[in-house]
C-alpha atoms as a PDB file:
ATOM      1  CA  MET A   1     134.807  64.671  81.678  1.00  0.00           C
ATOM      2  CA  LYS A   2     138.014  66.389  82.327  1.00  0.00           C
ATOM      3  CA  LYS A   3     139.330  66.551  85.847  1.00  0.00           C
ATOM      4  CA  PRO A   4     139.883  70.223  87.237  1.00  0.00           C
ATOM      5  CA  PHE A   5     143.094  69.373  88.897  1.00  0.00           C
ATOM      6  CA  SER A   6     144.680  67.287  86.394  1.00  0.00           C
ATOM      7  CA  ASN A   7     147.137  69.790  84.837  1.00  0.00           C
ATOM      8  CA  ILE A   8     148.399  70.370  88.501  1.00  0.00           C
ATOM      9  CA  VAL A   9     149.211  66.506  88.679  1.00  0.00           C
ATOM     10  CA  ASN A  10     150.794  66.666  85.518  1.00  0.00           C
ATOM     11  CA  LYS A  11     153.220  69.471  86.045  1.00  0.00           C
ATOM     12  CA  ASP A  12     154.161  67.565  89.412  1.00  0.00           C
ATOM     13  CA  LYS A  13     155.719  64.694  87.251  1.00  0.00           C
ATOM     14  CA  ASN A  14     157.726  67.071  85.325  1.00  0.00           C
ATOM     15  CA  LYS A  15     158.859  69.196  88.062  1.00  0.00           C
ATOM     16  CA  SER A  16     162.479  67.616  88.365  1.00  0.00           C
ATOM     17  CA  LEU A  17     163.116  68.440  84.787  1.00  0.00           C
ATOM     18  CA  SER A  18     161.935  72.126  85.089  1.00  0.00           C
ATOM     19  CA  LYS A  19     164.098  72.675  87.947  1.00  0.00           C
ATOM     20  CA  LYS A  20     167.014  72.115  86.747  1.00  0.00           C
ATOM     21  CA  LYS A  21     166.297  74.452  83.905  1.00  0.00           C
ATOM     22  CA  ASP A  22     165.088  76.965  86.011  1.00  0.00           C
ATOM     23  CA  SER A  23     168.404  76.750  88.211  1.00  0.00           C
ATOM     24  CA  GLU A  24     170.552  77.242  85.159  1.00  0.00           C
ATOM     25  CA  LYS A  25     168.522  80.312  84.090  1.00  0.00           C
ATOM     26  CA  SER A  26     168.471  81.739  87.730  1.00  0.00           C
ATOM     27  CA  LYS A  27     172.216  81.778  88.414  1.00  0.00           C
ATOM     28  CA  PRO A  28     173.146  84.444  85.687  1.00  0.00           C
ATOM     29  CA  LEU A  29     170.217  86.633  87.025  1.00  0.00           C
ATOM     30  CA  ILE A  30     171.521  86.191  90.814  1.00  0.00           C
ATOM     31  CA  ILE A  31     175.202  87.383  89.822  1.00  0.00           C
ATOM     32  CA  PHE A  32     173.547  90.345  87.711  1.00  0.00           C
ATOM     33  CA  GLY A  33     171.607  91.325  90.443  1.00  0.00           C
ATOM     34  CA  ALA A  34     174.334  91.245  93.035  1.00  0.00           C
ATOM     35  CA  ILE A  35     176.437  93.217  90.870  1.00  0.00           C
ATOM     36  CA  LEU A  36     173.795  95.877  90.203  1.00  0.00           C
ATOM     37  CA  SER A  37     172.855  96.050  93.802  1.00  0.00           C
ATOM     38  CA  LEU A  38     176.519  96.778  95.102  1.00  0.00           C
ATOM     39  CA  SER A  39     177.104  99.302  92.306  1.00  0.00           C
ATOM     40  CA  SER A  40     174.178 101.300  93.249  1.00  0.00           C
ATOM     41  CA  ILE A  41     175.071 101.045  97.003  1.00  0.00           C
ATOM     42  CA  PHE A  42     178.543 102.436  95.934  1.00  0.00           C
ATOM     43  CA  LEU A  43     177.174 105.178  93.957  1.00  0.00           C
ATOM     44  CA  LEU A  44     174.712 106.322  96.583  1.00  0.00           C
ATOM     45  CA  LEU A  45     177.761 106.378  99.020  1.00  0.00           C
ATOM     46  CA  TYR A  46     179.909 108.261  96.512  1.00  0.00           C
ATOM     47  CA  THR A  47     177.010 110.754  96.030  1.00  0.00           C
ATOM     48  CA  ILE A  48     176.326 111.332  99.606  1.00  0.00           C
ATOM     49  CA  ASN A  49     180.093 111.689 100.143  1.00  0.00           C
ATOM     50  CA  ASN A  50     180.593 114.248  97.525  1.00  0.00           C
ATOM     51  CA  LYS A  51     177.265 116.350  98.777  1.00  0.00           C
ATOM     52  CA  PHE A  52     177.660 116.243 102.283  1.00  0.00           C
ATOM     53  CA  GLY A  53     181.264 115.055 102.933  1.00  0.00           C
END
């Protein structure tokens, strides 16, 4: 009989390896998200300034 939570326990053993891979993937996404949000804020301010300023 298979234990119901055996897959969760096995994932915990390999968690340190997966965290290292996840942090390598997330750095470019964080940089891209920051650039995208800053550019959208500047575009919004530029649009407001041209329309109402």
